[in-house]
Amino acid sequence: MLTKMKVALALCGSILVGGVGLAAAQGFGGGPDKATIMQKYDANGDGKLDAGEKAKLHADMKAKREAKKAEMLAKYDINKERAQEAFKKADSNGDGQLSLDEFKAMKQHQGMRHGRGGKFRHRGAGARGGFGPKGGE
């Protein structure tokens, strides 16, 4: 029994060490290393980034983040269309505004569709976990 545990621990340890070694070989995050960044942005070749070079680096990184954000939003942001569809369904009189009655009707419909609010709905006030003089005070 103890031998099997030792073998299992040795196997797990070797897998862990191999994974860490592989990640280190790939540069952990997979991004550019310091030498690549210095080569690209150190315009005067002094081995240091001055204020202008840092500003260029920051501007490029910001543009890259914005492009990535736009790409992700274009790929995954479908909420705007879904929200407009839900609003059209809830706006029963079509005036472009939700009245309190329309809002309540929408919430009631969502609650029934998703099963929300129904956990204690069918229990009486005295039932275990219910709200009232005998239960859950």
Protein backbone atom coordinates (compact mmCIF):
# COMPACT_ATOMS: atom_id res chain seq x y z
CA MET A 1 0.00 0.00 0.00
CA LEU A 2 2.74 2.43 0.97
CA THR A 3 4.71 1.55 -2.17
CA LYS A 4 1.76 2.40 -4.38
CA MET A 5 1.44 5.78 -2.67
CA LYS A 6 5.15 6.48 -3.19
CA VAL A 7 4.85 5.60 -6.88
CA ALA A 8 1.78 7.82 -7.25
CA LEU A 9 3.53 10.74 -5.53
CA ALA A 10 6.64 10.29 -7.67
CA LEU A 11 4.51 10.24 -10.82
CA CYS A 12 2.59 13.37 -9.80
CA GLY A 13 5.83 15.13 -8.91
CA SER A 14 7.41 14.34 -12.25
CA ILE A 15 4.32 15.55 -14.12
CA LEU A 16 4.34 18.78 -12.10
CA VAL A 17 8.04 19.40 -12.74
CA GLY A 18 7.60 18.68 -16.44
CA GLY A 19 4.67 21.11 -16.67
CA VAL A 20 6.63 23.86 -14.92
CA GLY A 21 9.61 23.25 -17.21
CA LEU A 22 7.42 23.43 -20.29
CA ALA A 23 5.81 26.67 -19.09
CA ALA A 24 9.24 28.18 -18.38
CA ALA A 25 10.48 27.21 -21.82
CA GLN A 26 7.50 28.98 -23.39
CA GLY A 27 8.01 32.12 -21.31
CA PHE A 28 5.12 31.46 -18.85
CA GLY A 29 2.64 34.03 -20.24
CA GLY A 30 3.58 33.53 -23.85
CA GLY A 31 4.07 37.29 -24.31
CA PRO A 32 7.18 39.10 -25.52
CA ASP A 33 10.19 38.99 -23.24
CA LYS A 34 12.12 42.02 -21.99
CA ALA A 35 14.81 41.77 -24.67
CA THR A 36 12.22 41.82 -27.47
CA ILE A 37 10.49 44.86 -25.96
CA MET A 38 13.80 46.70 -25.51
CA GLN A 39 14.81 45.93 -29.08
CA LYS A 40 11.50 47.24 -30.41
CA TYR A 41 11.11 50.41 -28.30
CA ASP A 42 14.67 51.49 -27.41
CA ALA A 43 15.06 53.90 -30.33
CA ASN A 44 18.40 55.40 -29.27
CA GLY A 45 19.95 52.03 -28.29
CA ASP A 46 21.13 53.07 -24.81
CA GLY A 47 19.58 50.01 -23.12
CA LYS A 48 17.00 52.08 -21.24
CA LEU A 49 13.56 53.38 -22.12
CA ASP A 50 13.31 57.14 -21.74
CA ALA A 51 9.99 59.01 -21.34
CA GLY A 52 9.27 59.19 -25.07
CA GLU A 53 10.03 55.52 -25.61
CA LYS A 54 7.87 54.56 -22.62
CA ALA A 55 5.03 56.70 -23.99
CA LYS A 56 5.28 54.85 -27.31
CA LEU A 57 5.25 51.50 -25.48
CA HIS A 58 2.20 52.50 -23.43
CA ALA A 59 0.36 53.81 -26.50
CA ASP A 60 1.03 50.58 -28.40
CA MET A 61 -0.10 48.44 -25.45
CA LYS A 62 -3.26 50.52 -25.05
CA ALA A 63 -4.06 50.18 -28.75
CA LYS A 64 -3.49 46.42 -28.51
CA ARG A 65 -5.81 46.15 -25.49
CA GLU A 66 -8.50 48.20 -27.25
CA ALA A 67 -8.26 46.04 -30.37
CA LYS A 68 -8.53 42.87 -28.25
CA LYS A 69 -11.52 44.34 -26.38
CA ALA A 70 -13.26 45.24 -29.64
CA GLU A 71 -12.59 41.76 -30.98
CA MET A 72 -14.03 40.12 -27.86
CA LEU A 73 -17.10 42.38 -27.86
CA ALA A 74 -17.75 41.68 -31.52
CA LYS A 75 -17.44 37.97 -30.90
CA TYR A 76 -19.41 37.60 -27.65
CA ASP A 77 -21.56 40.69 -27.04
CA ILE A 78 -25.07 39.65 -27.98
CA ASN A 79 -26.70 41.21 -24.94
CA LYS A 80 -27.73 44.40 -26.73
CA GLU A 81 -29.96 42.54 -29.17
CA ARG A 82 -31.36 40.32 -26.42
CA ALA A 83 -32.13 43.34 -24.25
CA GLN A 84 -33.92 45.08 -27.12
CA GLU A 85 -35.99 41.96 -27.81
CA ALA A 86 -36.90 41.62 -24.13
CA PHE A 87 -37.87 45.29 -23.96
CA LYS A 88 -40.11 44.97 -27.02
CA LYS A 89 -41.84 41.96 -25.45
CA ALA A 90 -42.34 43.77 -22.14
CA ASP A 91 -43.57 47.02 -23.72
CA SER A 92 -47.08 45.75 -24.40
CA ASN A 93 -48.55 49.09 -25.52
CA GLY A 94 -45.55 49.94 -27.74
CA ASP A 95 -44.98 53.46 -26.39
CA GLY A 96 -41.23 52.93 -25.91
CA GLN A 97 -41.47 53.09 -22.12
CA LEU A 98 -42.14 50.47 -19.48
CA SER A 99 -44.91 51.31 -17.08
CA LEU A 100 -44.91 49.82 -13.61
CA ASP A 101 -47.60 47.33 -14.63
CA GLU A 102 -45.60 46.24 -17.70
CA PHE A 103 -42.49 45.85 -15.56
CA LYS A 104 -44.34 43.77 -12.96
CA ALA A 105 -45.84 41.58 -15.69
CA MET A 106 -42.37 41.05 -17.18
CA LYS A 107 -40.87 40.13 -13.79
CA GLN A 108 -43.74 37.75 -13.07
CA HIS A 109 -43.26 36.08 -16.45
CA GLN A 110 -39.51 35.73 -15.87
CA GLY A 111 -40.10 34.30 -12.40
CA MET A 112 -42.43 31.65 -13.76
CA ARG A 113 -40.16 30.84 -16.69
CA HIS A 114 -37.04 30.47 -14.56
CA GLY A 115 -38.73 29.04 -11.51
CA ARG A 116 -37.67 31.93 -9.29
CA GLY A 117 -39.63 32.74 -6.21
CA GLY A 118 -41.39 29.39 -6.28
CA LYS A 119 -39.38 27.62 -3.60
CA PHE A 120 -41.74 28.47 -0.76
CA ARG A 121 -44.70 29.48 -2.89
CA HIS A 122 -46.75 26.33 -2.32
CA ARG A 123 -46.05 26.00 1.38
CA GLY A 124 -48.40 27.43 3.93
CA ALA A 125 -47.34 30.06 6.43
CA GLY A 126 -46.93 27.42 9.13
CA ALA A 127 -44.84 25.08 7.00
CA ARG A 128 -41.20 24.53 7.86
CA GLY A 129 -39.14 27.33 6.36
CA GLY A 130 -42.18 29.43 5.58
CA PHE A 131 -42.71 32.97 6.71
CA GLY A 132 -45.41 33.68 9.20
CA PRO A 133 -46.33 33.34 12.84
CA LYS A 134 -45.40 29.64 13.10
CA GLY A 135 -42.50 29.21 10.71
CA GLY A 136 -39.09 30.75 10.14
CA GLU A 137 -39.63 33.88 12.29
